[in-house]
Amino acid sequence: MKKVTIQDIADALGISRNTVSKAINNSDGLADATREKILQKAVEMGYKQFSYVNSLARIAPDVPDAAKKKGFAGEIALLTTTFFSLSHFASLMLDKFQREISQLGYTLNLHRVDEQCLKNKVLPITFSKERVRGILCIEMFNWEYDNMVCEMGLPVLFIDGPHRGNGKMLPADQLYMANVTEITKLVNNLLEKGIKRIGFIGDYEHCQSFYERYIGFRMAMMMAGEAVDETFVIKAIDVIDLEKQLFALKTYPDVFLCANDFVAMDSIRILRTIGKKIPEEILFSGFDDSPESRIITPSLTTVHIHTQVMAFAAVELLMSRIKEPSLDYRIVHTQTDLILRESTGPLSGEL
């Protein structure tokens, strides 16, 4: 059987190869309707390299026989605003989460919250409250919409969530990776080596995890008695904004800490276009330990997320909430580990 390519999908739809590639890689710049059309065609044609198709197969397989014998316990509804590629930390976490809850008789069904749902504050048409026993929210960073979900009276667990810099707290359990500890370790190590011109790149109001990583950077600097040069704090909302702000800098820091690996990789690419050498002139670090962070040149210093541990914690939090709805709301952080690689130059391998 012939292997289906991106060009085959493009030819079948009469669109460009670049447009198909954007949809499959979950890139920005496509209308939701166009993205959905391309994804559907990819599934129909059997494009097996498409990570979202593979993720769907893992996220919602049949309930195992053992669970069927125990009886159908209900649906756990996964609400999300995005498609999960294999590079997203949630992809592996959801695989384990689904396997664990299926042993308890639950199914996991994905419901995508698109722009219209967010704008009108309505649930996806696929969502049926009657069969849902609990809700898992991932990549759900709109506080007003999230609060509406919490007011439905169902157990809700957020994996990450909207930033709490405004002091607002959602009435739900929340699960995060430890965002502060390893960044603090890296900052302290940099300072010990005499590297004090440290910057941060990322929209720290995008989500709580980005916010915590940013706060971790600032707290580490403050506790060490070092001032943060505000010109080295790049709060970019997209790649175009990032490019504009990086090009506008008259001088550059010794190192940029980035909100995640993809922010770091975009920044490295942009700086190389103006002749900056990485890591010879500017050191870089990311967060998430994505597969791409290991294969780019230079390989990227990052922070590893233990997705299996997060999956177990998510199961415990949501199942205990279903069993005892009156529990106090909990915020849990799971362990992370700093991974030093080539992008931090002489620091690599020293911790």
C-alpha atoms as a PDB file:
ATOM      1  CA  MET A   1       0.000   0.000   0.000  1.00  0.00           C
ATOM      2  CA  LYS A   2       1.341   3.436  -1.012  1.00  0.00           C
ATOM      3  CA  LYS A   3       2.403   5.712   1.846  1.00  0.00           C
ATOM      4  CA  VAL A   4       0.191   8.816   1.999  1.00  0.00           C
ATOM      5  CA  THR A   5       2.160  12.069   1.939  1.00  0.00           C
ATOM      6  CA  ILE A   6       1.347  15.676   2.781  1.00  0.00           C
ATOM      7  CA  GLN A   7       1.434  16.404  -0.963  1.00  0.00           C
ATOM      8  CA  ASP A   8      -1.215  13.704  -1.566  1.00  0.00           C
ATOM      9  CA  ILE A   9      -3.539  15.382   0.941  1.00  0.00           C
ATOM     10  CA  ALA A  10      -2.863  18.789  -0.613  1.00  0.00           C
ATOM     11  CA  ASP A  11      -3.628  17.470  -4.120  1.00  0.00           C
ATOM     12  CA  ALA A  12      -6.862  15.833  -2.945  1.00  0.00           C
ATOM     13  CA  LEU A  13      -8.081  19.114  -1.451  1.00  0.00           C
ATOM     14  CA  GLY A  14      -6.672  21.405  -4.132  1.00  0.00           C
ATOM     15  CA  ILE A  15      -4.643  23.449  -1.641  1.00  0.00           C
ATOM     16  CA  SER A  16      -0.967  24.113  -1.014  1.00  0.00           C
ATOM     17  CA  ARG A  17       1.375  21.664   0.671  1.00  0.00           C
ATOM     18  CA  ASN A  18       2.320  24.392   3.162  1.00  0.00           C
ATOM     19  CA  THR A  19      -1.310  24.789   4.269  1.00  0.00           C
ATOM     20  CA  VAL A  20      -1.635  21.050   4.904  1.00  0.00           C
ATOM     21  CA  SER A  21       1.660  21.039   6.812  1.00  0.00           C
ATOM     22  CA  LYS A  22       0.431  23.868   9.059  1.00  0.00           C
ATOM     23  CA  ALA A  23      -2.748  21.962   9.936  1.00  0.00           C
ATOM     24  CA  ILE A  24      -0.968  18.692  10.642  1.00  0.00           C
ATOM     25  CA  ASN A  25       1.722  20.358  12.768  1.00  0.00           C
ATOM     26  CA  ASN A  26      -0.859  22.486  14.603  1.00  0.00           C
ATOM     27  CA  SER A  27       0.783  25.737  13.493  1.00  0.00           C
ATOM     28  CA  ASP A  28      -0.825  29.147  13.814  1.00  0.00           C
ATOM     29  CA  GLY A  29      -2.407  31.041  10.932  1.00  0.00           C
ATOM     30  CA  LEU A  30      -5.224  28.722   9.820  1.00  0.00           C
ATOM     31  CA  ALA A  31      -8.967  29.128  10.235  1.00  0.00           C
ATOM     32  CA  ASP A  32     -10.543  26.417  12.380  1.00  0.00           C
ATOM     33  CA  ALA A  33     -12.792  25.306   9.500  1.00  0.00           C
ATOM     34  CA  THR A  34      -9.796  24.858   7.184  1.00  0.00           C
ATOM     35  CA  ARG A  35      -7.840  22.966   9.839  1.00  0.00           C
ATOM     36  CA  GLU A  36     -10.776  20.628  10.548  1.00  0.00           C
ATOM     37  CA  LYS A  37     -11.249  19.932   6.820  1.00  0.00           C
ATOM     38  CA  ILE A  38      -7.583  19.023   6.391  1.00  0.00           C
ATOM     39  CA  LEU A  39      -7.498  16.825   9.496  1.00  0.00           C
ATOM     40  CA  GLN A  40     -10.593  14.957   8.355  1.00  0.00           C
ATOM     41  CA  LYS A  41      -9.067  14.320   4.926  1.00  0.00           C
ATOM     42  CA  ALA A  42      -5.827  13.140   6.580  1.00  0.00           C
ATOM     43  CA  VAL A  43      -7.815  10.586   8.593  1.00  0.00           C
ATOM     44  CA  GLU A  44      -9.807   9.455   5.526  1.00  0.00           C
ATOM     45  CA  MET A  45      -6.647   8.940   3.474  1.00  0.00           C
ATOM     46  CA  GLY A  46      -4.850   7.101   6.278  1.00  0.00           C
ATOM     47  CA  TYR A  47      -2.022   9.534   6.902  1.00  0.00           C
ATOM     48  CA  LYS A  48      -0.400   7.509   9.704  1.00  0.00           C
ATOM     49  CA  GLN A  49       2.438   9.967  10.308  1.00  0.00           C
ATOM     50  CA  PHE A  50      -0.098  12.483  11.607  1.00  0.00           C
ATOM     51  CA  SER A  51       0.525  12.642  15.354  1.00  0.00           C
ATOM     52  CA  TYR A  52      -2.986  13.892  16.155  1.00  0.00           C
ATOM     53  CA  VAL A  53      -4.509  10.850  14.479  1.00  0.00           C
ATOM     54  CA  ASN A  54      -2.223   8.629  16.530  1.00  0.00           C
ATOM     55  CA  SER A  55      -3.124  10.578  19.656  1.00  0.00           C
ATOM     56  CA  LEU A  56      -6.833  10.125  19.008  1.00  0.00           C
ATOM     57  CA  ALA A  57      -6.329   6.404  18.702  1.00  0.00           C
ATOM     58  CA  ARG A  58      -4.605   6.343  22.062  1.00  0.00           C
ATOM     59  CA  ILE A  59      -6.925   8.774  23.814  1.00  0.00           C
ATOM     60  CA  ALA A  60     -10.213   7.077  23.031  1.00  0.00           C
ATOM     61  CA  PRO A  61      -9.833   3.323  22.419  1.00  0.00           C
ATOM     62  CA  ASP A  62     -12.469   0.795  23.433  1.00  0.00           C
ATOM     63  CA  VAL A  63     -12.988   0.176  27.132  1.00  0.00           C
ATOM     64  CA  PRO A  64     -11.084  -2.993  28.148  1.00  0.00           C
ATOM     65  CA  ASP A  65     -13.054  -6.170  28.871  1.00  0.00           C
ATOM     66  CA  ALA A  66     -12.138  -5.991  32.559  1.00  0.00           C
ATOM     67  CA  ALA A  67     -13.736  -2.577  32.819  1.00  0.00           C
ATOM     68  CA  LYS A  68     -16.809  -3.710  30.919  1.00  0.00           C
ATOM     69  CA  LYS A  69     -17.354  -6.487  33.441  1.00  0.00           C
ATOM     70  CA  LYS A  70     -17.239  -3.925  36.246  1.00  0.00           C
ATOM     71  CA  GLY A  71     -19.805  -1.842  34.402  1.00  0.00           C
ATOM     72  CA  PHE A  72     -19.611   1.463  32.564  1.00  0.00           C
ATOM     73  CA  ALA A  73     -18.821   4.144  35.129  1.00  0.00           C
ATOM     74  CA  GLY A  74     -19.307   7.116  32.813  1.00  0.00           C
ATOM     75  CA  GLU A  75     -17.386   9.537  30.643  1.00  0.00           C
ATOM     76  CA  ILE A  76     -14.464  11.731  31.579  1.00  0.00           C
ATOM     77  CA  ALA A  77     -14.735  14.695  29.213  1.00  0.00           C
ATOM     78  CA  LEU A  78     -11.461  16.182  27.988  1.00  0.00           C
ATOM     79  CA  LEU A  79     -11.944  19.855  27.136  1.00  0.00           C
ATOM     80  CA  THR A  80      -9.169  21.515  25.164  1.00  0.00           C
ATOM     81  CA  THR A  81      -8.627  24.413  22.793  1.00  0.00           C
ATOM     82  CA  THR A  82      -5.881  22.713  20.804  1.00  0.00           C
ATOM     83  CA  PHE A  83      -4.793  19.554  19.036  1.00  0.00           C
ATOM     84  CA  PHE A  84      -2.094  17.534  20.791  1.00  0.00           C
ATOM     85  CA  SER A  85       0.966  16.666  18.758  1.00  0.00           C
ATOM     86  CA  LEU A  86       3.407  14.083  20.069  1.00  0.00           C
ATOM     87  CA  SER A  87       5.631  17.011  21.055  1.00  0.00           C
ATOM     88  CA  HIS A  88       3.075  18.241  23.578  1.00  0.00           C
ATOM     89  CA  PHE A  89       3.717  16.965  27.112  1.00  0.00           C
ATOM     90  CA  ALA A  90       0.000  16.145  27.464  1.00  0.00           C
ATOM     91  CA  SER A  91       0.104  13.536  24.692  1.00  0.00           C
ATOM     92  CA  LEU A  92       2.050  10.946  26.716  1.00  0.00           C
ATOM     93  CA  MET A  93       0.287  11.939  29.914  1.00  0.00           C
ATOM     94  CA  LEU A  94      -3.148  11.334  28.362  1.00  0.00           C
ATOM     95  CA  ASP A  95      -2.067   7.925  27.118  1.00  0.00           C
ATOM     96  CA  LYS A  96      -1.362   6.765  30.674  1.00  0.00           C
ATOM     97  CA  PHE A  97      -4.350   8.636  32.120  1.00  0.00           C
ATOM     98  CA  GLN A  98      -6.737   6.923  29.698  1.00  0.00           C
ATOM     99  CA  ARG A  99      -5.332   3.480  30.432  1.00  0.00           C
ATOM    100  CA  GLU A 100      -5.740   3.993  34.167  1.00  0.00           C
ATOM    101  CA  ILE A 101      -9.323   5.309  34.122  1.00  0.00           C
ATOM    102  CA  SER A 102     -10.417   2.630  31.636  1.00  0.00           C
ATOM    103  CA  GLN A 103      -9.568   0.023  34.277  1.00  0.00           C
ATOM    104  CA  LEU A 104     -12.098   1.808  36.488  1.00  0.00           C
ATOM    105  CA  GLY A 105     -14.801   1.679  33.826  1.00  0.00           C
ATOM    106  CA  TYR A 106     -14.489   5.234  32.502  1.00  0.00           C
ATOM    107  CA  THR A 107     -14.048   6.377  28.931  1.00  0.00           C
ATOM    108  CA  LEU A 108     -12.109   9.487  27.934  1.00  0.00           C
ATOM    109  CA  ASN A 109     -13.684  11.555  25.161  1.00  0.00           C
ATOM    110  CA  LEU A 110     -12.122  14.641  23.626  1.00  0.00           C
ATOM    111  CA  HIS A 111     -14.249  17.752  23.056  1.00  0.00           C
ATOM    112  CA  ARG A 112     -12.524  20.638  21.292  1.00  0.00           C
ATOM    113  CA  VAL A 113     -13.415  24.123  22.467  1.00  0.00           C
ATOM    114  CA  ASP A 114     -13.083  26.345  19.390  1.00  0.00           C
ATOM    115  CA  GLU A 115     -13.124  30.144  19.099  1.00  0.00           C
ATOM    116  CA  GLN A 116     -16.910  30.255  18.760  1.00  0.00           C
ATOM    117  CA  CYS A 117     -17.357  28.232  21.946  1.00  0.00           C
ATOM    118  CA  LEU A 118     -15.035  30.602  23.798  1.00  0.00           C
ATOM    119  CA  LYS A 119     -16.684  33.703  22.407  1.00  0.00           C
ATOM    120  CA  ASN A 120     -20.241  32.572  23.174  1.00  0.00           C
ATOM    121  CA  LYS A 121     -19.312  30.712  26.377  1.00  0.00           C
ATOM    122  CA  VAL A 122     -20.970  27.502  25.242  1.00  0.00           C
ATOM    123  CA  LEU A 123     -19.817  23.888  25.440  1.00  0.00           C
ATOM    124  CA  PRO A 124     -18.908  21.903  22.298  1.00  0.00           C
ATOM    125  CA  ILE A 125     -21.945  20.264  20.691  1.00  0.00           C
ATOM    126  CA  THR A 126     -20.372  16.855  21.359  1.00  0.00           C
ATOM    127  CA  PHE A 127     -20.522  17.426  25.120  1.00  0.00           C
ATOM    128  CA  SER A 128     -23.401  15.720  26.964  1.00  0.00           C
ATOM    129  CA  LYS A 129     -23.618  16.555  30.663  1.00  0.00           C
ATOM    130  CA  GLU A 130     -25.862  13.553  31.354  1.00  0.00           C
ATOM    131  CA  ARG A 131     -23.114  11.001  30.655  1.00  0.00           C
ATOM    132  CA  VAL A 132     -20.149  13.015  32.012  1.00  0.00           C
ATOM    133  CA  ARG A 133     -18.852  12.186  35.491  1.00  0.00           C
ATOM    134  CA  GLY A 134     -15.822  14.450  35.493  1.00  0.00           C
ATOM    135  CA  ILE A 135     -14.037  17.023  33.330  1.00  0.00           C
ATOM    136  CA  LEU A 136     -10.319  17.221  32.500  1.00  0.00           C
ATOM    137  CA  CYS A 137      -9.170  20.610  31.122  1.00  0.00           C
ATOM    138  CA  ILE A 138      -5.897  20.966  29.198  1.00  0.00           C
ATOM    139  CA  GLU A 139      -4.765  24.099  27.320  1.00  0.00           C
ATOM    140  CA  MET A 140      -7.794  25.942  28.726  1.00  0.00           C
ATOM    141  CA  PHE A 141      -6.508  29.416  29.605  1.00  0.00           C
ATOM    142  CA  ASN A 142      -9.601  31.631  29.305  1.00  0.00           C
ATOM    143  CA  TRP A 143     -10.552  32.450  32.895  1.00  0.00           C
ATOM    144  CA  GLU A 144     -14.179  33.418  32.197  1.00  0.00           C
ATOM    145  CA  TYR A 145     -14.826  30.266  30.171  1.00  0.00           C
ATOM    146  CA  ASP A 146     -13.048  28.073  32.723  1.00  0.00           C
ATOM    147  CA  ASN A 147     -15.127  29.554  35.519  1.00  0.00           C
ATOM    148  CA  MET A 148     -18.280  28.738  33.531  1.00  0.00           C
ATOM    149  CA  VAL A 149     -17.120  25.108  33.283  1.00  0.00           C
ATOM    150  CA  CYS A 150     -16.544  25.024  37.042  1.00  0.00           C
ATOM    151  CA  GLU A 151     -20.063  26.310  37.702  1.00  0.00           C
ATOM    152  CA  MET A 152     -21.639  23.272  35.992  1.00  0.00           C
ATOM    153  CA  GLY A 153     -21.537  21.301  39.236  1.00  0.00           C
ATOM    154  CA  LEU A 154     -19.287  18.521  37.866  1.00  0.00           C
ATOM    155  CA  PRO A 155     -15.846  17.503  39.219  1.00  0.00           C
ATOM    156  CA  VAL A 156     -13.211  19.464  37.273  1.00  0.00           C
ATOM    157  CA  LEU A 157      -9.432  19.080  37.079  1.00  0.00           C
ATOM    158  CA  PHE A 158      -7.192  21.566  35.278  1.00  0.00           C
ATOM    159  CA  ILE A 159      -3.816  20.470  33.944  1.00  0.00           C
ATOM    160  CA  ASP A 160      -2.224  23.918  33.980  1.00  0.00           C
ATOM    161  CA  GLY A 161      -4.673  26.797  33.692  1.00  0.00           C
ATOM    162  CA  PRO A 162      -5.052  30.571  33.358  1.00  0.00           C
ATOM    163  CA  HIS A 163      -2.429  32.593  35.190  1.00  0.00           C
ATOM    164  CA  ARG A 164      -3.292  33.725  38.716  1.00  0.00           C
ATOM    165  CA  GLY A 165      -1.371  36.976  38.643  1.00  0.00           C
ATOM    166  CA  ASN A 166      -4.695  38.764  39.062  1.00  0.00           C
ATOM    167  CA  GLY A 167      -5.375  36.922  42.317  1.00  0.00           C
ATOM    168  CA  LYS A 168      -8.331  34.980  40.926  1.00  0.00           C
ATOM    169  CA  MET A 169      -8.666  31.306  41.859  1.00  0.00           C
ATOM    170  CA  LEU A 170     -10.785  28.799  39.973  1.00  0.00           C
ATOM    171  CA  PRO A 171     -13.076  26.604  42.122  1.00  0.00           C
ATOM    172  CA  ALA A 172     -11.455  23.363  40.934  1.00  0.00           C
ATOM    173  CA  ASP A 173      -8.499  21.058  41.505  1.00  0.00           C
ATOM    174  CA  GLN A 174      -5.353  22.010  39.573  1.00  0.00           C
ATOM    175  CA  LEU A 175      -2.310  19.973  38.573  1.00  0.00           C
ATOM    176  CA  TYR A 176       1.033  21.449  37.478  1.00  0.00           C
ATOM    177  CA  MET A 177       4.580  20.393  36.872  1.00  0.00           C
ATOM    178  CA  ALA A 178       7.052  21.996  39.319  1.00  0.00           C
ATOM    179  CA  ASN A 179       7.852  25.170  37.397  1.00  0.00           C
ATOM    180  CA  VAL A 180      10.053  27.033  39.869  1.00  0.00           C
ATOM    181  CA  THR A 181      12.614  24.666  41.417  1.00  0.00           C
ATOM    182  CA  GLU A 182      14.704  23.745  38.382  1.00  0.00           C
ATOM    183  CA  ILE A 183      14.700  27.260  36.968  1.00  0.00           C
ATOM    184  CA  THR A 184      15.948  28.460  40.359  1.00  0.00           C
ATOM    185  CA  LYS A 185      18.693  25.821  40.222  1.00  0.00           C
ATOM    186  CA  LEU A 186      19.745  26.951  36.747  1.00  0.00           C
ATOM    187  CA  VAL A 187      19.763  30.658  37.650  1.00  0.00           C
ATOM    188  CA  ASN A 188      21.853  29.996  40.764  1.00  0.00           C
ATOM    189  CA  ASN A 189      24.313  27.923  38.755  1.00  0.00           C
ATOM    190  CA  LEU A 190      24.628  30.679  36.151  1.00  0.00           C
ATOM    191  CA  LEU A 191      25.246  33.281  38.835  1.00  0.00           C
ATOM    192  CA  GLU A 192      27.902  31.108  40.489  1.00  0.00           C
ATOM    193  CA  LYS A 193      29.721  31.029  37.147  1.00  0.00           C
ATOM    194  CA  GLY A 194      29.639  34.818  36.995  1.00  0.00           C
ATOM    195  CA  ILE A 195      26.887  34.939  34.367  1.00  0.00           C
ATOM    196  CA  LYS A 196      24.614  37.735  35.595  1.00  0.00           C
ATOM    197  CA  ARG A 197      23.072  39.221  32.448  1.00  0.00           C
ATOM    198  CA  ILE A 198      20.083  36.890  32.370  1.00  0.00           C
ATOM    199  CA  GLY A 199      16.923  37.481  30.337  1.00  0.00           C
ATOM    200  CA  PHE A 200      13.533  35.785  29.983  1.00  0.00           C
ATOM    201  CA  ILE A 201      11.453  35.194  26.850  1.00  0.00           C
ATOM    202  CA  GLY A 202       7.772  34.227  26.937  1.00  0.00           C
ATOM    203  CA  ASP A 203       4.263  35.556  27.418  1.00  0.00           C
ATOM    204  CA  TYR A 204       4.063  35.014  31.173  1.00  0.00           C
ATOM    205  CA  GLU A 205       0.362  35.870  31.140  1.00  0.00           C
ATOM    206  CA  HIS A 206      -0.399  33.060  28.688  1.00  0.00           C
ATOM    207  CA  CYS A 207      -0.917  30.452  31.405  1.00  0.00           C
ATOM    208  CA  GLN A 208      -0.071  29.719  35.034  1.00  0.00           C
ATOM    209  CA  SER A 209       2.932  27.534  34.191  1.00  0.00           C
ATOM    210  CA  PHE A 210       4.547  30.276  32.092  1.00  0.00           C
ATOM    211  CA  TYR A 211       3.795  32.705  34.916  1.00  0.00           C
ATOM    212  CA  GLU A 212       5.425  30.453  37.518  1.00  0.00           C
ATOM    213  CA  ARG A 213       8.524  29.980  35.348  1.00  0.00           C
ATOM    214  CA  TYR A 214       8.823  33.740  34.984  1.00  0.00           C
ATOM    215  CA  ILE A 215       8.300  34.307  38.719  1.00  0.00           C
ATOM    216  CA  GLY A 216      10.868  31.584  39.455  1.00  0.00           C
ATOM    217  CA  PHE A 217      13.437  33.467  37.355  1.00  0.00           C
ATOM    218  CA  ARG A 218      12.723  36.805  39.060  1.00  0.00           C
ATOM    219  CA  MET A 219      12.675  35.326  42.566  1.00  0.00           C
ATOM    220  CA  ALA A 220      16.002  33.569  42.020  1.00  0.00           C
ATOM    221  CA  MET A 221      17.569  36.816  40.848  1.00  0.00           C
ATOM    222  CA  MET A 222      16.069  38.766  43.743  1.00  0.00           C
ATOM    223  CA  MET A 223      17.177  36.255  46.370  1.00  0.00           C
ATOM    224  CA  ALA A 224      20.707  36.431  44.991  1.00  0.00           C
ATOM    225  CA  GLY A 225      20.660  40.223  45.199  1.00  0.00           C
ATOM    226  CA  GLU A 226      20.919  40.622  41.428  1.00  0.00           C
ATOM    227  CA  ALA A 227      18.901  43.173  39.467  1.00  0.00           C
ATOM    228  CA  VAL A 228      16.916  42.111  36.383  1.00  0.00           C
ATOM    229  CA  ASP A 229      17.586  44.225  33.294  1.00  0.00           C
ATOM    230  CA  GLU A 230      14.011  44.829  32.096  1.00  0.00           C
ATOM    231  CA  THR A 231      15.133  45.270  28.501  1.00  0.00           C
ATOM    232  CA  PHE A 232      16.023  41.569  28.533  1.00  0.00           C
ATOM    233  CA  VAL A 233      12.472  40.509  29.497  1.00  0.00           C
ATOM    234  CA  ILE A 234      10.707  39.727  26.199  1.00  0.00           C
ATOM    235  CA  LYS A 235       6.940  39.265  26.654  1.00  0.00           C
ATOM    236  CA  ALA A 236       6.112  38.228  23.091  1.00  0.00           C
ATOM    237  CA  ILE A 237       2.607  37.037  22.206  1.00  0.00           C
ATOM    238  CA  ASP A 238       3.559  35.394  18.894  1.00  0.00           C
ATOM    239  CA  VAL A 239       6.533  34.800  16.592  1.00  0.00           C
ATOM    240  CA  ILE A 240       6.088  38.096  14.743  1.00  0.00           C
ATOM    241  CA  ASP A 241       6.109  40.021  18.016  1.00  0.00           C
ATOM    242  CA  LEU A 242       9.091  37.989  19.197  1.00  0.00           C
ATOM    243  CA  GLU A 243      11.071  38.805  16.071  1.00  0.00           C
ATOM    244  CA  LYS A 244      10.244  42.510  16.373  1.00  0.00           C
ATOM    245  CA  GLN A 245      11.361  42.709  20.005  1.00  0.00           C
ATOM    246  CA  LEU A 246      14.543  40.676  19.524  1.00  0.00           C
ATOM    247  CA  PHE A 247      15.583  42.787  16.524  1.00  0.00           C
ATOM    248  CA  ALA A 248      14.968  45.967  18.554  1.00  0.00           C
ATOM    249  CA  LEU A 249      17.504  45.066  21.250  1.00  0.00           C
ATOM    250  CA  LYS A 250      20.681  47.140  21.171  1.00  0.00           C
ATOM    251  CA  THR A 251      22.549  44.694  23.419  1.00  0.00           C
ATOM    252  CA  TYR A 252      21.826  41.097  24.379  1.00  0.00           C
ATOM    253  CA  PRO A 253      22.077  39.163  27.649  1.00  0.00           C
ATOM    254  CA  ASP A 254      24.516  36.351  28.270  1.00  0.00           C
ATOM    255  CA  VAL A 255      21.632  33.887  28.509  1.00  0.00           C
ATOM    256  CA  PHE A 256      17.921  33.742  27.727  1.00  0.00           C
ATOM    257  CA  LEU A 257      15.652  31.529  29.825  1.00  0.00           C
ATOM    258  CA  CYS A 258      12.545  30.690  27.777  1.00  0.00           C
ATOM    259  CA  ALA A 259       8.995  29.795  28.803  1.00  0.00           C
ATOM    260  CA  ASN A 260       9.171  26.532  26.836  1.00  0.00           C
ATOM    261  CA  ASP A 261      11.287  24.717  24.270  1.00  0.00           C
ATOM    262  CA  PHE A 262       9.442  26.079  21.236  1.00  0.00           C
ATOM    263  CA  VAL A 263       9.835  29.686  22.388  1.00  0.00           C
ATOM    264  CA  ALA A 264      13.555  28.946  22.760  1.00  0.00           C
ATOM    265  CA  MET A 265      13.840  27.337  19.322  1.00  0.00           C
ATOM    266  CA  ASP A 266      11.976  30.207  17.632  1.00  0.00           C
ATOM    267  CA  SER A 267      14.249  32.705  19.407  1.00  0.00           C
ATOM    268  CA  ILE A 268      17.424  30.857  18.369  1.00  0.00           C
ATOM    269  CA  ARG A 269      16.242  30.760  14.754  1.00  0.00           C
ATOM    270  CA  ILE A 270      15.462  34.496  14.747  1.00  0.00           C
ATOM    271  CA  LEU A 271      18.772  35.506  16.333  1.00  0.00           C
ATOM    272  CA  ARG A 272      20.725  33.401  13.849  1.00  0.00           C
ATOM    273  CA  THR A 273      19.232  35.449  11.001  1.00  0.00           C
ATOM    274  CA  ILE A 274      21.120  38.477  12.351  1.00  0.00           C
ATOM    275  CA  GLY A 275      24.336  36.555  12.805  1.00  0.00           C
ATOM    276  CA  LYS A 276      24.180  35.668  16.492  1.00  0.00           C
ATOM    277  CA  LYS A 277      26.010  32.478  17.409  1.00  0.00           C
ATOM    278  CA  ILE A 278      24.374  30.055  19.849  1.00  0.00           C
ATOM    279  CA  PRO A 279      25.777  29.175  22.391  1.00  0.00           C
ATOM    280  CA  GLU A 280      29.029  31.056  21.710  1.00  0.00           C
ATOM    281  CA  GLU A 281      27.408  34.509  22.104  1.00  0.00           C
ATOM    282  CA  ILE A 282      24.105  33.775  23.871  1.00  0.00           C
ATOM    283  CA  LEU A 283      23.235  30.755  26.030  1.00  0.00           C
ATOM    284  CA  PHE A 284      19.678  29.378  25.913  1.00  0.00           C
ATOM    285  CA  SER A 285      17.355  27.171  27.938  1.00  0.00           C
ATOM    286  CA  GLY A 286      13.787  25.978  27.435  1.00  0.00           C
ATOM    287  CA  PHE A 287      11.236  23.929  29.347  1.00  0.00           C
ATOM    288  CA  ASP A 288       9.272  20.676  28.659  1.00  0.00           C
ATOM    289  CA  ASP A 289      12.050  18.435  27.247  1.00  0.00           C
ATOM    290  CA  SER A 290      10.227  18.066  23.929  1.00  0.00           C
ATOM    291  CA  PRO A 291      11.612  15.551  21.402  1.00  0.00           C
ATOM    292  CA  GLU A 292      12.744  18.482  19.249  1.00  0.00           C
ATOM    293  CA  SER A 293      14.892  19.867  22.072  1.00  0.00           C
ATOM    294  CA  ARG A 294      17.162  16.825  21.807  1.00  0.00           C
ATOM    295  CA  ILE A 295      17.758  16.910  18.057  1.00  0.00           C
ATOM    296  CA  ILE A 296      18.213  20.615  17.266  1.00  0.00           C
ATOM    297  CA  THR A 297      21.697  22.086  17.009  1.00  0.00           C
ATOM    298  CA  PRO A 298      22.807  22.918  19.594  1.00  0.00           C
ATOM    299  CA  SER A 299      20.771  20.512  21.694  1.00  0.00           C
ATOM    300  CA  LEU A 300      18.645  22.506  24.111  1.00  0.00           C
ATOM    301  CA  THR A 301      19.041  22.751  27.871  1.00  0.00           C
ATOM    302  CA  THR A 302      15.541  22.229  29.239  1.00  0.00           C
ATOM    303  CA  VAL A 303      13.446  20.926  32.145  1.00  0.00           C
ATOM    304  CA  HIS A 304      12.032  17.410  31.960  1.00  0.00           C
ATOM    305  CA  ILE A 305       8.379  16.811  32.888  1.00  0.00           C
ATOM    306  CA  HIS A 306       7.483  13.403  34.337  1.00  0.00           C
ATOM    307  CA  THR A 307       4.319  12.794  32.321  1.00  0.00           C
ATOM    308  CA  GLN A 308       3.615   9.375  33.828  1.00  0.00           C
ATOM    309  CA  VAL A 309       3.697  10.819  37.343  1.00  0.00           C
ATOM    310  CA  MET A 310       1.372  13.606  36.229  1.00  0.00           C
ATOM    311  CA  ALA A 311      -1.027  11.027  34.802  1.00  0.00           C
ATOM    312  CA  PHE A 312      -1.207   9.104  38.088  1.00  0.00           C
ATOM    313  CA  ALA A 313      -1.696  12.352  40.012  1.00  0.00           C
ATOM    314  CA  ALA A 314      -4.467  13.402  37.619  1.00  0.00           C
ATOM    315  CA  VAL A 315      -6.291  10.104  38.096  1.00  0.00           C
ATOM    316  CA  GLU A 316      -6.065  10.369  41.887  1.00  0.00           C
ATOM    317  CA  LEU A 317      -7.229  13.977  41.954  1.00  0.00           C
ATOM    318  CA  LEU A 318     -10.183  13.484  39.642  1.00  0.00           C
ATOM    319  CA  MET A 319     -11.343  10.132  41.020  1.00  0.00           C
ATOM    320  CA  SER A 320     -11.178  11.371  44.610  1.00  0.00           C
ATOM    321  CA  ARG A 321     -13.165  14.470  43.622  1.00  0.00           C
ATOM    322  CA  ILE A 322     -15.817  12.281  41.980  1.00  0.00           C
ATOM    323  CA  LYS A 323     -15.999  10.144  45.124  1.00  0.00           C
ATOM    324  CA  GLU A 324     -16.026  13.088  47.546  1.00  0.00           C
ATOM    325  CA  PRO A 325     -17.195  16.344  45.883  1.00  0.00           C
ATOM    326  CA  SER A 326     -16.947  18.343  49.126  1.00  0.00           C
ATOM    327  CA  LEU A 327     -13.143  18.058  49.423  1.00  0.00           C
ATOM    328  CA  ASP A 328     -11.191  21.300  49.662  1.00  0.00           C
ATOM    329  CA  TYR A 329      -9.741  22.309  46.301  1.00  0.00           C
ATOM    330  CA  ARG A 330      -6.167  21.169  45.796  1.00  0.00           C
ATOM    331  CA  ILE A 331      -3.198  22.504  43.807  1.00  0.00           C
ATOM    332  CA  VAL A 332      -0.531  19.846  43.158  1.00  0.00           C
ATOM    333  CA  HIS A 333       2.916  20.213  41.560  1.00  0.00           C
ATOM    334  CA  THR A 334       4.824  17.140  40.352  1.00  0.00           C
ATOM    335  CA  GLN A 335       8.613  16.811  40.176  1.00  0.00           C
ATOM    336  CA  THR A 336      10.672  18.125  37.246  1.00  0.00           C
ATOM    337  CA  ASP A 337      14.378  17.736  36.413  1.00  0.00           C
ATOM    338  CA  LEU A 338      16.855  20.148  34.843  1.00  0.00           C
ATOM    339  CA  ILE A 339      18.544  18.671  31.752  1.00  0.00           C
ATOM    340  CA  LEU A 340      21.766  20.452  30.757  1.00  0.00           C
ATOM    341  CA  ARG A 341      22.699  20.276  27.071  1.00  0.00           C
ATOM    342  CA  GLU A 342      24.834  22.109  24.523  1.00  0.00           C
ATOM    343  CA  SER A 343      22.806  25.359  24.414  1.00  0.00           C
ATOM    344  CA  THR A 344      24.193  26.392  27.809  1.00  0.00           C
ATOM    345  CA  GLY A 345      27.757  25.785  26.655  1.00  0.00           C
ATOM    346  CA  PRO A 346      30.235  25.172  29.486  1.00  0.00           C
ATOM    347  CA  LEU A 347      27.413  24.615  32.003  1.00  0.00           C
ATOM    348  CA  SER A 348      26.297  21.443  30.253  1.00  0.00           C
ATOM    349  CA  GLY A 349      26.865  18.323  32.310  1.00  0.00           C
ATOM    350  CA  GLU A 350      28.067  20.223  35.377  1.00  0.00           C
ATOM    351  CA  LEU A 351      25.006  19.746  37.592  1.00  0.00           C
END
